[in-house]
């Protein structure tokens, strides 16, 4: 279960980092020029930033859903193993109790 928490932490840190600035602001002047962004109006840049944010949010949502699914599967497996171990322990105890009862009965004969 601890392994699944690492992607959650990574995702949280990345999300915080991305939320601090807009996509177009994180680009270097060379990248902006190569992409032709220096020819866009502020409204067009805002629209592009909104699209990138929506795409990032969608990706974050997919990652969250995958992490939830992995966590559920891990917890299920852990519970299943614990139940199996507990059933084994109970069966062992029942066998010991049965032997003890048989020993008591035989010692009276």
PDB file of N, CA and C in Angstrom:
ATOM      1  N   UNK A   1       0.822  -1.178   0.000  1.00  0.00           N
ATOM      2  CA  UNK A   1       0.000   0.000   0.000  1.00  0.00           C
ATOM      3  C   UNK A   1       0.871   1.248   0.000  1.00  0.00           C
ATOM      4  N   UNK A   2       2.035   1.163   0.616  1.00  0.00           N
ATOM      5  CA  UNK A   2       2.938   2.311   0.662  1.00  0.00           C
ATOM      6  C   UNK A   2       3.430   2.678  -0.732  1.00  0.00           C
ATOM      7  N   UNK A   3       3.609   1.653  -1.598  1.00  0.00           N
ATOM      8  CA  UNK A   3       4.079   1.932  -2.964  1.00  0.00           C
ATOM      9  C   UNK A   3       3.084   2.801  -3.709  1.00  0.00           C
ATOM     10  N   UNK A   4       1.797   2.593  -3.461  1.00  0.00           N
ATOM     11  CA  UNK A   4       0.779   3.358  -4.181  1.00  0.00           C
ATOM     12  C   UNK A   4       0.727   4.800  -3.712  1.00  0.00           C
ATOM     13  N   UNK A   5       1.253   5.090  -2.540  1.00  0.00           N
ATOM     14  CA  UNK A   5       1.228   6.461  -2.040  1.00  0.00           C
ATOM     15  C   UNK A   5       2.273   7.334  -2.718  1.00  0.00           C
ATOM     16  N   UNK A   6       3.334   6.742  -3.232  1.00  0.00           N
ATOM     17  CA  UNK A   6       4.366   7.531  -3.913  1.00  0.00           C
ATOM     18  C   UNK A   6       3.824   8.259  -5.135  1.00  0.00           C
ATOM     19  N   UNK A   7       3.048   7.579  -6.004  1.00  0.00           N
ATOM     20  CA  UNK A   7       2.493   8.327  -7.146  1.00  0.00           C
ATOM     21  C   UNK A   7       1.547   9.440  -6.705  1.00  0.00           C
ATOM     22  N   UNK A   8       0.825   9.228  -5.604  1.00  0.00           N
ATOM     23  CA  UNK A   8      -0.085  10.261  -5.111  1.00  0.00           C
ATOM     24  C   UNK A   8       0.712  11.489  -4.687  1.00  0.00           C
ATOM     25  N   UNK A   9       1.792  11.261  -3.958  1.00  0.00           N
ATOM     26  CA  UNK A   9       2.641  12.366  -3.523  1.00  0.00           C
ATOM     27  C   UNK A   9       3.253  13.082  -4.727  1.00  0.00           C
ATOM     28  N   UNK A  10       3.766  12.316  -5.678  1.00  0.00           N
ATOM     29  CA  UNK A  10       4.354  12.895  -6.885  1.00  0.00           C
ATOM     30  C   UNK A  10       3.323  13.732  -7.632  1.00  0.00           C
ATOM     31  N   UNK A  11       2.128  13.175  -7.770  1.00  0.00           N
ATOM     32  CA  UNK A  11       1.050  13.872  -8.470  1.00  0.00           C
ATOM     33  C   UNK A  11       0.694  15.174  -7.757  1.00  0.00           C
ATOM     34  N   UNK A  12       0.625  15.122  -6.448  1.00  0.00           N
ATOM     35  CA  UNK A  12       0.294  16.326  -5.685  1.00  0.00           C
ATOM     36  C   UNK A  12       1.352  17.406  -5.888  1.00  0.00           C
ATOM     37  N   UNK A  13       2.624  17.006  -5.846  1.00  0.00           N
ATOM     38  CA  UNK A  13       3.704  17.980  -6.039  1.00  0.00           C
ATOM     39  C   UNK A  13       3.684  18.569  -7.448  1.00  0.00           C
ATOM     40  N   UNK A  14       3.441  17.715  -8.436  1.00  0.00           N
ATOM     41  CA  UNK A  14       3.375  18.203  -9.825  1.00  0.00           C
ATOM     42  C   UNK A  14       2.197  19.150 -10.006  1.00  0.00           C
ATOM     43  N   UNK A  15       1.068  18.804  -9.415  1.00  0.00           N
ATOM     44  CA  UNK A  15      -0.121  19.640  -9.547  1.00  0.00           C
ATOM     45  C   UNK A  15       0.119  21.002  -8.939  1.00  0.00           C
ATOM     46  N   UNK A  16       0.756  21.035  -7.778  1.00  0.00           N
ATOM     47  CA  UNK A  16       1.052  22.318  -7.131  1.00  0.00           C
ATOM     48  C   UNK A  16       1.981  23.132  -8.021  1.00  0.00           C
ATOM     49  N   UNK A  17       3.002  22.486  -8.574  1.00  0.00           N
ATOM     50  CA  UNK A  17       3.945  23.189  -9.439  1.00  0.00           C
ATOM     51  C   UNK A  17       3.280  23.734 -10.683  1.00  0.00           C
ATOM     52  N   UNK A  18       2.385  22.963 -11.270  1.00  0.00           N
ATOM     53  CA  UNK A  18       1.718  23.410 -12.491  1.00  0.00           C
ATOM     54  C   UNK A  18       0.705  24.508 -12.202  1.00  0.00           C
ATOM     55  N   UNK A  19       0.114  24.477 -11.032  1.00  0.00           N
ATOM     56  CA  UNK A  19      -0.911  25.454 -10.703  1.00  0.00           C
ATOM     57  C   UNK A  19      -0.308  26.835 -10.434  1.00  0.00           C
ATOM     58  N   UNK A  20       0.984  26.894 -10.181  1.00  0.00           N
ATOM     59  CA  UNK A  20       1.605  28.157  -9.830  1.00  0.00           C
ATOM     60  C   UNK A  20       1.731  29.101 -11.020  1.00  0.00           C
ATOM     61  N   UNK A  21       1.768  28.568 -12.220  1.00  0.00           N
ATOM     62  CA  UNK A  21       1.892  29.439 -13.378  1.00  0.00           C
ATOM     63  C   UNK A  21       1.142  28.839 -14.556  1.00  0.00           C
ATOM     64  N   UNK A  22       0.848  29.700 -15.499  1.00  0.00           N
ATOM     65  CA  UNK A  22       0.145  29.238 -16.693  1.00  0.00           C
ATOM     66  C   UNK A  22       1.145  28.588 -17.641  1.00  0.00           C
ATOM     67  N   UNK A  23       0.636  27.732 -18.503  1.00  0.00           N
ATOM     68  CA  UNK A  23       1.468  27.007 -19.452  1.00  0.00           C
ATOM     69  C   UNK A  23       2.322  27.958 -20.282  1.00  0.00           C
ATOM     70  N   UNK A  24       1.696  28.963 -20.846  1.00  0.00           N
ATOM     71  CA  UNK A  24       2.425  29.867 -21.747  1.00  0.00           C
ATOM     72  C   UNK A  24       3.475  30.682 -21.007  1.00  0.00           C
ATOM     73  N   UNK A  25       3.308  30.852 -19.697  1.00  0.00           N
ATOM     74  CA  UNK A  25       4.297  31.586 -18.906  1.00  0.00           C
ATOM     75  C   UNK A  25       5.510  30.727 -18.565  1.00  0.00           C
ATOM     76  N   UNK A  26       5.355  29.418 -18.618  1.00  0.00           N
ATOM     77  CA  UNK A  26       6.463  28.514 -18.277  1.00  0.00           C
ATOM     78  C   UNK A  26       7.399  28.270 -19.469  1.00  0.00           C
ATOM     79  N   UNK A  27       6.998  28.708 -20.635  1.00  0.00           N
ATOM     80  CA  UNK A  27       7.813  28.512 -21.831  1.00  0.00           C
ATOM     81  C   UNK A  27       8.915  29.560 -21.910  1.00  0.00           C
ATOM     82  N   UNK A  28      10.017  29.149 -22.510  1.00  0.00           N
ATOM     83  CA  UNK A  28      11.097  30.118 -22.741  1.00  0.00           C
ATOM     84  C   UNK A  28      10.704  30.994 -23.929  1.00  0.00           C
ATOM     85  N   UNK A  29      11.355  32.137 -24.078  1.00  0.00           N
ATOM     86  CA  UNK A  29      11.061  32.983 -25.246  1.00  0.00           C
ATOM     87  C   UNK A  29      11.281  32.223 -26.564  1.00  0.00           C
ATOM     88  N   UNK A  30      12.293  31.368 -26.620  1.00  0.00           N
ATOM     89  CA  UNK A  30      12.538  30.574 -27.838  1.00  0.00           C
ATOM     90  C   UNK A  30      11.373  29.632 -28.118  1.00  0.00           C
ATOM     91  N   UNK A  31      10.879  28.964 -27.077  1.00  0.00           N
ATOM     92  CA  UNK A  31       9.764  28.031 -27.256  1.00  0.00           C
ATOM     93  C   UNK A  31       8.504  28.780 -27.704  1.00  0.00           C
ATOM     94  N   UNK A  32       8.273  29.921 -27.097  1.00  0.00           N
ATOM     95  CA  UNK A  32       7.104  30.732 -27.478  1.00  0.00           C
ATOM     96  C   UNK A  32       7.204  31.153 -28.944  1.00  0.00           C
ATOM     97  N   UNK A  33       8.391  31.556 -29.362  1.00  0.00           N
ATOM     98  CA  UNK A  33       8.591  32.000 -30.738  1.00  0.00           C
ATOM     99  C   UNK A  33       8.434  30.839 -31.714  1.00  0.00           C
ATOM    100  N   UNK A  34       9.071  29.701 -31.401  1.00  0.00           N
ATOM    101  CA  UNK A  34       8.984  28.514 -32.274  1.00  0.00           C
ATOM    102  C   UNK A  34       7.550  28.046 -32.452  1.00  0.00           C
ATOM    103  N   UNK A  35       6.751  28.162 -31.390  1.00  0.00           N
ATOM    104  CA  UNK A  35       5.356  27.718 -31.457  1.00  0.00           C
ATOM    105  C   UNK A  35       4.438  28.785 -32.045  1.00  0.00           C
ATOM    106  N   UNK A  36       4.997  29.959 -32.287  1.00  0.00           N
ATOM    107  CA  UNK A  36       4.189  31.041 -32.853  1.00  0.00           C
ATOM    108  C   UNK A  36       3.306  31.722 -31.828  1.00  0.00           C
ATOM    109  N   UNK A  37       3.578  31.494 -30.564  1.00  0.00           N
ATOM    110  CA  UNK A  37       2.735  32.075 -29.512  1.00  0.00           C
ATOM    111  C   UNK A  37       2.926  33.584 -29.372  1.00  0.00           C
ATOM    112  N   UNK A  38       4.048  34.083 -29.843  1.00  0.00           N
ATOM    113  CA  UNK A  38       4.275  35.524 -29.737  1.00  0.00           C
ATOM    114  C   UNK A  38       3.364  36.325 -30.673  1.00  0.00           C
ATOM    115  N   UNK A  39       2.660  35.628 -31.567  1.00  0.00           N
ATOM    116  CA  UNK A  39       1.726  36.292 -32.487  1.00  0.00           C
ATOM    117  C   UNK A  39       0.286  36.245 -31.975  1.00  0.00           C
ATOM    118  N   UNK A  40       0.063  35.559 -30.849  1.00  0.00           N
ATOM    119  CA  UNK A  40      -1.300  35.427 -30.327  1.00  0.00           C
ATOM    120  C   UNK A  40      -1.661  36.610 -29.435  1.00  0.00           C
ATOM    121  N   UNK A  41      -2.945  36.894 -29.393  1.00  0.00           N
ATOM    122  CA  UNK A  41      -3.451  37.954 -28.513  1.00  0.00           C
ATOM    123  C   UNK A  41      -3.506  37.416 -27.078  1.00  0.00           C
ATOM    124  N   UNK A  42      -3.603  38.296 -26.104  1.00  0.00           N
ATOM    125  CA  UNK A  42      -3.743  37.831 -24.715  1.00  0.00           C
ATOM    126  C   UNK A  42      -4.949  36.902 -24.526  1.00  0.00           C
ATOM    127  N   UNK A  43      -6.037  37.175 -25.240  1.00  0.00           N
ATOM    128  CA  UNK A  43      -7.227  36.325 -25.141  1.00  0.00           C
ATOM    129  C   UNK A  43      -6.943  34.930 -25.693  1.00  0.00           C
ATOM    130  N   UNK A  44      -6.204  34.865 -26.814  1.00  0.00           N
ATOM    131  CA  UNK A  44      -5.851  33.576 -27.406  1.00  0.00           C
ATOM    132  C   UNK A  44      -4.904  32.791 -26.486  1.00  0.00           C
ATOM    133  N   UNK A  45      -3.955  33.502 -25.882  1.00  0.00           N
ATOM    134  CA  UNK A  45      -3.050  32.855 -24.932  1.00  0.00           C
ATOM    135  C   UNK A  45      -3.826  32.321 -23.728  1.00  0.00           C
ATOM    136  N   UNK A  46      -4.799  33.098 -23.255  1.00  0.00           N
ATOM    137  CA  UNK A  46      -5.631  32.662 -22.123  1.00  0.00           C
ATOM    138  C   UNK A  46      -6.435  31.416 -22.501  1.00  0.00           C
ATOM    139  N   UNK A  47      -6.947  31.408 -23.748  1.00  0.00           N
ATOM    140  CA  UNK A  47      -7.700  30.242 -24.206  1.00  0.00           C
ATOM    141  C   UNK A  47      -6.787  29.009 -24.284  1.00  0.00           C
ATOM    142  N   UNK A  48      -5.586  29.200 -24.785  1.00  0.00           N
ATOM    143  CA  UNK A  48      -4.622  28.095 -24.860  1.00  0.00           C
ATOM    144  C   UNK A  48      -4.279  27.591 -23.451  1.00  0.00           C
ATOM    145  N   UNK A  49      -4.043  28.515 -22.536  1.00  0.00           N
ATOM    146  CA  UNK A  49      -3.753  28.133 -21.154  1.00  0.00           C
ATOM    147  C   UNK A  49      -4.917  27.341 -20.552  1.00  0.00           C
ATOM    148  N   UNK A  50      -6.146  27.769 -20.867  1.00  0.00           N
ATOM    149  CA  UNK A  50      -7.330  27.071 -20.354  1.00  0.00           C
ATOM    150  C   UNK A  50      -7.410  25.648 -20.914  1.00  0.00           C
ATOM    151  N   UNK A  51      -7.082  25.510 -22.194  1.00  0.00           N
ATOM    152  CA  UNK A  51      -7.093  24.169 -22.806  1.00  0.00           C
ATOM    153  C   UNK A  51      -6.035  23.261 -22.181  1.00  0.00           C
ATOM    154  N   UNK A  52      -4.856  23.804 -21.980  1.00  0.00           N
ATOM    155  CA  UNK A  52      -3.780  23.020 -21.366  1.00  0.00           C
ATOM    156  C   UNK A  52      -4.168  22.635 -19.947  1.00  0.00           C
ATOM    157  N   UNK A  53      -4.756  23.566 -19.208  1.00  0.00           N
ATOM    158  CA  UNK A  53      -5.183  23.269 -17.833  1.00  0.00           C
ATOM    159  C   UNK A  53      -6.243  22.177 -17.828  1.00  0.00           C
ATOM    160  N   UNK A  54      -7.186  22.270 -18.737  1.00  0.00           N
ATOM    161  CA  UNK A  54      -8.233  21.237 -18.830  1.00  0.00           C
ATOM    162  C   UNK A  54      -7.609  19.874 -19.127  1.00  0.00           C
ATOM    163  N   UNK A  55      -6.645  19.850 -20.034  1.00  0.00           N
ATOM    164  CA  UNK A  55      -5.966  18.600 -20.375  1.00  0.00           C
ATOM    165  C   UNK A  55      -5.215  18.041 -19.164  1.00  0.00           C
ATOM    166  N   UNK A  56      -4.530  18.928 -18.438  1.00  0.00           N
ATOM    167  CA  UNK A  56      -3.811  18.493 -17.232  1.00  0.00           C
ATOM    168  C   UNK A  56      -4.778  17.967 -16.180  1.00  0.00           C
ATOM    169  N   UNK A  57      -5.882  18.670 -15.982  1.00  0.00           N
ATOM    170  CA  UNK A  57      -6.880  18.238 -14.999  1.00  0.00           C
ATOM    171  C   UNK A  57      -7.456  16.876 -15.368  1.00  0.00           C
ATOM    172  N   UNK A  58      -7.675  16.660 -16.669  1.00  0.00           N
ATOM    173  CA  UNK A  58      -8.180  15.362 -17.122  1.00  0.00           C
ATOM    174  C   UNK A  58      -7.159  14.268 -16.833  1.00  0.00           C
ATOM    175  N   UNK A  59      -5.901  14.564 -17.101  1.00  0.00           N
ATOM    176  CA  UNK A  59      -4.839  13.600 -16.828  1.00  0.00           C
ATOM    177  C   UNK A  59      -4.720  13.303 -15.343  1.00  0.00           C
ATOM    178  N   UNK A  60      -4.848  14.338 -14.531  1.00  0.00           N
ATOM    179  CA  UNK A  60      -4.790  14.159 -13.078  1.00  0.00           C
ATOM    180  C   UNK A  60      -5.943  13.275 -12.628  1.00  0.00           C
ATOM    181  N   UNK A  61      -7.117  13.515 -13.187  1.00  0.00           N
ATOM    182  CA  UNK A  61      -8.289  12.711 -12.819  1.00  0.00           C
ATOM    183  C   UNK A  61      -8.075  11.243 -13.195  1.00  0.00           C
ATOM    184  N   UNK A  62      -7.515  10.988 -14.354  1.00  0.00           N
ATOM    185  CA  UNK A  62      -7.250   9.609 -14.777  1.00  0.00           C
ATOM    186  C   UNK A  62      -6.252   8.949 -13.834  1.00  0.00           C
ATOM    187  N   UNK A  63      -5.202   9.676 -13.480  1.00  0.00           N
ATOM    188  CA  UNK A  63      -4.199   9.135 -12.556  1.00  0.00           C
ATOM    189  C   UNK A  63      -4.842   8.838 -11.207  1.00  0.00           C
ATOM    190  N   UNK A  64      -5.663   9.749 -10.715  1.00  0.00           N
ATOM    191  CA  UNK A  64      -6.341   9.530  -9.429  1.00  0.00           C
ATOM    192  C   UNK A  64      -7.212   8.279  -9.484  1.00  0.00           C
ATOM    193  N   UNK A  65      -7.961   8.120 -10.561  1.00  0.00           N
ATOM    194  CA  UNK A  65      -8.828   6.943 -10.693  1.00  0.00           C
ATOM    195  C   UNK A  65      -7.996   5.665 -10.724  1.00  0.00           C
ATOM    196  N   UNK A  66      -6.870   5.699 -11.440  1.00  0.00           N
ATOM    197  CA  UNK A  66      -6.003   4.525 -11.494  1.00  0.00           C
ATOM    198  C   UNK A  66      -5.411   4.206 -10.127  1.00  0.00           C
ATOM    199  N   UNK A  67      -5.019   5.243  -9.400  1.00  0.00           N
ATOM    200  CA  UNK A  67      -4.461   5.034  -8.062  1.00  0.00           C
ATOM    201  C   UNK A  67      -5.530   4.461  -7.130  1.00  0.00           C
ATOM    202  N   UNK A  68      -6.737   5.002  -7.210  1.00  0.00           N
ATOM    203  CA  UNK A  68      -7.821   4.459  -6.386  1.00  0.00           C
ATOM    204  C   UNK A  68      -8.049   2.987  -6.685  1.00  0.00           C
ATOM    205  N   UNK A  69      -8.052   2.663  -7.971  1.00  0.00           N
ATOM    206  CA  UNK A  69      -8.269   1.270  -8.373  1.00  0.00           C
ATOM    207  C   UNK A  69      -7.149   0.376  -7.829  1.00  0.00           C
ATOM    208  N   UNK A  70      -5.903   0.826  -7.969  1.00  0.00           N
ATOM    209  CA  UNK A  70      -4.769   0.055  -7.458  1.00  0.00           C
ATOM    210  C   UNK A  70      -4.857  -0.115  -5.945  1.00  0.00           C
ATOM    211  N   UNK A  71      -5.214   0.959  -5.252  1.00  0.00           N
ATOM    212  CA  UNK A  71      -5.343   0.889  -3.794  1.00  0.00           C
ATOM    213  C   UNK A  71      -6.433  -0.097  -3.389  1.00  0.00           C
ATOM    214  N   UNK A  72      -7.576  -0.036  -4.087  1.00  0.00           N
ATOM    215  CA  UNK A  72      -8.665  -0.965  -3.782  1.00  0.00           C
ATOM    216  C   UNK A  72      -8.202  -2.408  -3.967  1.00  0.00           C
ATOM    217  N   UNK A  73      -7.501  -2.661  -5.069  1.00  0.00           N
ATOM    218  CA  UNK A  73      -7.022  -4.019  -5.338  1.00  0.00           C
ATOM    219  C   UNK A  73      -6.010  -4.468  -4.285  1.00  0.00           C
ATOM    220  N   UNK A  74      -5.115  -3.564  -3.887  1.00  0.00           N
ATOM    221  CA  UNK A  74      -4.128  -3.904  -2.855  1.00  0.00           C
ATOM    222  C   UNK A  74      -4.808  -4.199  -1.525  1.00  0.00           C
ATOM    223  N   UNK A  75      -5.762  -3.345  -1.158  1.00  0.00           N
ATOM    224  CA  UNK A  75      -6.460  -3.546   0.113  1.00  0.00           C
ATOM    225  C   UNK A  75      -7.237  -4.863   0.073  1.00  0.00           C
ATOM    226  N   UNK A  76      -7.887  -5.129  -1.058  1.00  0.00           N
ATOM    227  CA  UNK A  76      -8.623  -6.393  -1.216  1.00  0.00           C
ATOM    228  C   UNK A  76      -7.692  -7.584  -1.016  1.00  0.00           C
ATOM    229  N   UNK A  77      -6.537  -7.536  -1.643  1.00  0.00           N
ATOM    230  CA  UNK A  77      -5.575  -8.634  -1.538  1.00  0.00           C
ATOM    231  C   UNK A  77      -5.083  -8.783  -0.100  1.00  0.00           C
ATOM    232  N   UNK A  78      -4.818  -7.642   0.559  1.00  0.00           N
ATOM    233  CA  UNK A  78      -4.358  -7.695   1.950  1.00  0.00           C
ATOM    234  C   UNK A  78      -5.432  -8.275   2.859  1.00  0.00           C
ATOM    235  N   UNK A  79      -6.675  -7.858   2.672  1.00  0.00           N
ATOM    236  CA  UNK A  79      -7.772  -8.365   3.492  1.00  0.00           C
ATOM    237  C   UNK A  79      -7.967  -9.859   3.234  1.00  0.00           C
ATOM    238  N   UNK A  80      -7.909 -10.236   1.974  1.00  0.00           N
ATOM    239  CA  UNK A  80      -8.066 -11.645   1.618  1.00  0.00           C
ATOM    240  C   UNK A  80      -6.976 -12.489   2.287  1.00  0.00           C
ATOM    241  N   UNK A  81      -5.736 -12.028   2.239  1.00  0.00           N
ATOM    242  CA  UNK A  81      -4.625 -12.747   2.861  1.00  0.00           C
ATOM    243  C   UNK A  81      -4.815 -12.817   4.374  1.00  0.00           C
ATOM    244  N   UNK A  82      -5.270 -11.718   4.959  1.00  0.00           N
ATOM    245  CA  UNK A  82      -5.493 -11.685   6.407  1.00  0.00           C
ATOM    246  C   UNK A  82      -6.610 -12.640   6.809  1.00  0.00           C
ATOM    247  N   UNK A  83      -7.689 -12.672   6.043  1.00  0.00           N
ATOM    248  CA  UNK A  83      -8.801 -13.582   6.327  1.00  0.00           C
ATOM    249  C   UNK A  83      -8.335 -15.025   6.203  1.00  0.00           C
ATOM    250  N   UNK A  84      -7.546 -15.300   5.169  1.00  0.00           N
ATOM    251  CA  UNK A  84      -7.024 -16.649   4.977  1.00  0.00           C
ATOM    252  C   UNK A  84      -6.139 -17.057   6.149  1.00  0.00           C
ATOM    253  N   UNK A  85      -5.277 -16.155   6.584  1.00  0.00           N
ATOM    254  CA  UNK A  85      -4.386 -16.436   7.706  1.00  0.00           C
ATOM    255  C   UNK A  85      -5.194 -16.650   8.984  1.00  0.00           C
ATOM    256  N   UNK A  86      -6.218 -15.847   9.184  1.00  0.00           N
ATOM    257  CA  UNK A  86      -7.058 -15.976  10.371  1.00  0.00           C
ATOM    258  C   UNK A  86      -7.819 -17.306  10.338  1.00  0.00           C
ATOM    259  N   UNK A  87      -8.308 -17.693   9.174  1.00  0.00           N
ATOM    260  CA  UNK A  87      -9.013 -18.972   9.044  1.00  0.00           C
ATOM    261  C   UNK A  87      -8.076 -20.131   9.356  1.00  0.00           C
ATOM    262  N   UNK A  88      -6.833 -20.036   8.884  1.00  0.00           N
ATOM    263  CA  UNK A  88      -5.837 -21.069   9.189  1.00  0.00           C
ATOM    264  C   UNK A  88      -5.607 -21.165  10.687  1.00  0.00           C
ATOM    265  N   UNK A  89      -5.446 -20.012  11.328  1.00  0.00           N
ATOM    266  CA  UNK A  89      -5.203 -19.979  12.767  1.00  0.00           C
ATOM    267  C   UNK A  89      -6.387 -20.571  13.534  1.00  0.00           C
ATOM    268  N   UNK A  90      -7.598 -20.244  13.099  1.00  0.00           N
ATOM    269  CA  UNK A  90      -8.791 -20.785  13.751  1.00  0.00           C
ATOM    270  C   UNK A  90      -8.885 -22.292  13.556  1.00  0.00           C
ATOM    271  N   UNK A  91      -8.567 -22.778  12.356  1.00  0.00           N
ATOM    272  CA  UNK A  91      -8.599 -24.215  12.088  1.00  0.00           C
ATOM    273  C   UNK A  91      -7.560 -24.938  12.942  1.00  0.00           C
ATOM    274  N   UNK A  92      -6.398 -24.335  13.062  1.00  0.00           N
ATOM    275  CA  UNK A  92      -5.336 -24.921  13.892  1.00  0.00           C
ATOM    276  C   UNK A  92      -5.786 -24.982  15.348  1.00  0.00           C
ATOM    277  N   UNK A  93      -6.385 -23.895  15.826  1.00  0.00           N
ATOM    278  CA  UNK A  93      -6.864 -23.849  17.213  1.00  0.00           C
ATOM    279  C   UNK A  93      -7.959 -24.892  17.433  1.00  0.00           C
ATOM    280  N   UNK A  94      -8.869 -25.020  16.456  1.00  0.00           N
ATOM    281  CA  UNK A  94      -9.931 -26.026  16.566  1.00  0.00           C
ATOM    282  C   UNK A  94      -9.344 -27.429  16.625  1.00  0.00           C
ATOM    283  N   UNK A  95      -8.329 -27.697  15.812  1.00  0.00           N
ATOM    284  CA  UNK A  95      -7.694 -29.016  15.816  1.00  0.00           C
ATOM    285  C   UNK A  95      -7.023 -29.276  17.165  1.00  0.00           C
ATOM    286  N   UNK A  96      -6.348 -28.264  17.705  1.00  0.00           N
ATOM    287  CA  UNK A  96      -5.710 -28.399  19.012  1.00  0.00           C
ATOM    288  C   UNK A  96      -6.748 -28.628  20.101  1.00  0.00           C
ATOM    289  N   UNK A  97      -7.852 -27.888  20.036  1.00  0.00           N
ATOM    290  CA  UNK A  97      -8.932 -28.063  21.011  1.00  0.00           C
ATOM    291  C   UNK A  97      -9.530 -29.473  20.911  1.00  0.00           C
ATOM    292  N   UNK A  98      -9.694 -29.940  19.673  1.00  0.00           N
ATOM    293  CA  UNK A  98     -10.238 -31.284  19.443  1.00  0.00           C
ATOM    294  C   UNK A  98      -9.306 -32.339  20.030  1.00  0.00           C
ATOM    295  N   UNK A  99      -8.000 -32.198  19.786  1.00  0.00           N
ATOM    296  CA  UNK A  99      -7.023 -33.150  20.331  1.00  0.00           C
ATOM    297  C   UNK A  99      -7.025 -33.124  21.850  1.00  0.00           C
ATOM    298  N   UNK A 100      -7.103 -31.914  22.414  1.00  0.00           N
ATOM    299  CA  UNK A 100      -7.123 -31.784  23.875  1.00  0.00           C
ATOM    300  C   UNK A 100      -8.370 -32.448  24.451  1.00  0.00           C
ATOM    301  N   UNK A 101      -9.509 -32.253  23.783  1.00  0.00           N
ATOM    302  CA  UNK A 101     -10.753 -32.880  24.249  1.00  0.00           C
ATOM    303  C   UNK A 101     -10.647 -34.394  24.155  1.00  0.00           C
ATOM    304  N   UNK A 102     -10.100 -34.897  23.049  1.00  0.00           N
ATOM    305  CA  UNK A 102      -9.935 -36.347  22.881  1.00  0.00           C
ATOM    306  C   UNK A 102      -8.993 -36.908  23.945  1.00  0.00           C
ATOM    307  N   UNK A 103      -7.921 -36.170  24.239  1.00  0.00           N
ATOM    308  CA  UNK A 103      -6.960 -36.605  25.271  1.00  0.00           C
ATOM    309  C   UNK A 103      -7.647 -36.677  26.633  1.00  0.00           C
ATOM    310  N   UNK A 104      -8.467 -35.678  26.949  1.00  0.00           N
ATOM    311  CA  UNK A 104      -9.187 -35.688  28.232  1.00  0.00           C
ATOM    312  C   UNK A 104     -10.129 -36.885  28.320  1.00  0.00           C
ATOM    313  N   UNK A 105     -10.852 -37.132  27.226  1.00  0.00           N
ATOM    314  CA  UNK A 105     -11.798 -38.239  27.202  1.00  0.00           C
ATOM    315  C   UNK A 105     -11.052 -39.572  27.356  1.00  0.00           C
ATOM    316  N   UNK A 106      -9.952 -39.728  26.609  1.00  0.00           N
ATOM    317  CA  UNK A 106      -9.180 -40.977  26.670  1.00  0.00           C
ATOM    318  C   UNK A 106      -8.516 -41.168  28.022  1.00  0.00           C
ATOM    319  N   UNK A 107      -8.145 -40.071  28.675  1.00  0.00           N
ATOM    320  CA  UNK A 107      -7.481 -40.205  29.986  1.00  0.00           C
ATOM    321  C   UNK A 107      -8.475 -40.649  31.049  1.00  0.00           C
ATOM    322  N   UNK A 108      -9.740 -40.456  30.842  1.00  0.00           N
ATOM    323  CA  UNK A 108     -10.785 -40.872  31.791  1.00  0.00           C
ATOM    324  C   UNK A 108     -11.112 -42.345  31.625  1.00  0.00           C
ATOM    325  N   UNK A 109     -10.792 -42.903  30.501  1.00  0.00           N
ATOM    326  CA  UNK A 109     -11.147 -44.304  30.231  1.00  0.00           C
ATOM    327  C   UNK A 109     -10.193 -45.255  30.882  1.00  0.00           C
TER     328      UNK A 109
END
